[in-house]
């Protein structure tokens, strides 16, 4: 199921859980739960 997929963090280089954070401009981005790095859409 798609909910069981994990993204690979570019900074951690590990499969990580994803959180959400709202930026100052109001945009919501996905962040790595381990290191806090913003995950880019590719």
N, C-alpha and C. Protein backbone atom coordinates (compact mmCIF):
# COMPACT_ATOMS: atom_id res chain seq x y z
N UNK A 1 0.84 -1.18 0.00
CA UNK A 1 0.00 0.00 0.00
C UNK A 1 0.89 1.24 0.00
N UNK A 2 0.43 2.30 -0.60
CA UNK A 2 1.24 3.51 -0.76
C UNK A 2 1.59 4.14 0.59
N UNK A 3 0.80 3.95 1.61
CA UNK A 3 1.10 4.55 2.91
C UNK A 3 2.30 3.88 3.58
N UNK A 4 2.71 2.70 3.10
CA UNK A 4 3.84 2.00 3.68
C UNK A 4 5.18 2.38 3.05
N UNK A 5 5.15 3.22 2.02
CA UNK A 5 6.39 3.64 1.36
C UNK A 5 7.13 4.65 2.22
N UNK A 6 8.46 4.61 2.17
CA UNK A 6 9.27 5.58 2.89
C UNK A 6 10.17 6.29 1.89
N UNK A 7 10.33 7.59 2.08
CA UNK A 7 11.21 8.37 1.22
C UNK A 7 12.64 8.26 1.71
N UNK A 8 13.58 8.46 0.80
CA UNK A 8 15.00 8.47 1.15
C UNK A 8 15.42 9.92 1.32
N UNK A 9 15.92 10.24 2.49
CA UNK A 9 16.39 11.60 2.77
C UNK A 9 17.77 11.79 2.14
N UNK A 10 17.98 12.89 1.45
CA UNK A 10 19.26 13.16 0.80
C UNK A 10 20.36 13.42 1.82
N UNK A 11 20.02 13.98 2.96
CA UNK A 11 21.01 14.28 3.99
C UNK A 11 21.34 13.04 4.83
N UNK A 12 20.31 12.31 5.26
CA UNK A 12 20.51 11.11 6.10
C UNK A 12 20.94 9.91 5.27
N UNK A 13 20.52 9.87 4.02
CA UNK A 13 20.69 8.72 3.10
C UNK A 13 20.06 7.45 3.67
N UNK A 14 18.97 7.62 4.40
CA UNK A 14 18.23 6.50 4.98
C UNK A 14 16.75 6.66 4.65
N UNK A 15 16.00 5.57 4.66
CA UNK A 15 14.54 5.68 4.58
C UNK A 15 14.04 6.35 5.85
N UNK A 16 13.19 7.36 5.70
CA UNK A 16 12.74 8.13 6.87
C UNK A 16 11.23 8.34 6.84
N UNK A 17 10.69 8.60 8.02
CA UNK A 17 9.31 9.03 8.11
C UNK A 17 9.25 10.50 7.75
N UNK A 18 8.10 10.93 7.29
CA UNK A 18 7.95 12.29 6.78
C UNK A 18 6.99 13.08 7.66
N UNK A 19 7.40 14.31 7.97
CA UNK A 19 6.53 15.24 8.68
C UNK A 19 6.22 16.41 7.77
N UNK A 20 5.40 17.31 8.26
CA UNK A 20 5.05 18.50 7.48
C UNK A 20 5.38 19.74 8.29
N UNK A 21 5.84 20.77 7.60
CA UNK A 21 6.16 22.04 8.25
C UNK A 21 5.67 23.17 7.36
N UNK A 22 5.13 24.19 7.98
CA UNK A 22 4.67 25.36 7.24
C UNK A 22 5.78 26.41 7.25
N UNK A 23 6.16 26.88 6.07
CA UNK A 23 7.19 27.90 5.94
C UNK A 23 6.61 29.27 6.23
N UNK A 24 7.49 30.27 6.33
CA UNK A 24 7.06 31.64 6.63
C UNK A 24 6.12 32.20 5.56
N UNK A 25 6.29 31.76 4.31
CA UNK A 25 5.43 32.26 3.23
C UNK A 25 4.09 31.52 3.15
N UNK A 26 3.83 30.61 4.10
CA UNK A 26 2.56 29.89 4.14
C UNK A 26 2.56 28.58 3.39
N UNK A 27 3.65 28.27 2.71
CA UNK A 27 3.76 27.04 1.94
C UNK A 27 4.03 25.86 2.88
N UNK A 28 3.38 24.72 2.65
CA UNK A 28 3.60 23.52 3.44
C UNK A 28 4.59 22.62 2.71
N UNK A 29 5.63 22.17 3.42
CA UNK A 29 6.64 21.30 2.83
C UNK A 29 6.78 20.04 3.67
N UNK A 30 7.31 18.98 3.04
CA UNK A 30 7.58 17.73 3.75
C UNK A 30 8.99 17.78 4.31
N UNK A 31 9.17 17.31 5.54
CA UNK A 31 10.47 17.33 6.18
C UNK A 31 10.82 15.95 6.72
N UNK A 32 12.10 15.67 6.80
CA UNK A 32 12.62 14.42 7.37
C UNK A 32 12.41 14.45 8.87
N UNK A 33 11.86 13.37 9.44
CA UNK A 33 11.64 13.29 10.88
C UNK A 33 12.95 13.10 11.64
N UNK A 34 13.99 12.55 10.98
CA UNK A 34 15.28 12.32 11.66
C UNK A 34 16.09 13.60 11.79
N UNK A 35 16.29 14.30 10.67
CA UNK A 35 17.22 15.44 10.68
C UNK A 35 16.54 16.79 10.46
N UNK A 36 15.27 16.80 10.03
CA UNK A 36 14.57 18.06 9.82
C UNK A 36 14.80 18.68 8.46
N UNK A 37 15.53 18.00 7.59
CA UNK A 37 15.81 18.51 6.24
C UNK A 37 14.53 18.57 5.41
N UNK A 38 14.36 19.64 4.63
CA UNK A 38 13.21 19.76 3.74
C UNK A 38 13.40 18.80 2.58
N UNK A 39 12.38 17.99 2.29
CA UNK A 39 12.44 17.02 1.20
C UNK A 39 11.90 17.66 -0.07
N UNK A 40 12.72 17.67 -1.11
CA UNK A 40 12.35 18.29 -2.38
C UNK A 40 11.49 17.35 -3.21
N UNK A 41 10.57 17.92 -3.99
CA UNK A 41 9.80 17.14 -4.97
C UNK A 41 10.65 16.98 -6.21
N UNK A 42 10.74 15.76 -6.71
CA UNK A 42 11.55 15.53 -7.91
C UNK A 42 10.75 14.82 -8.95
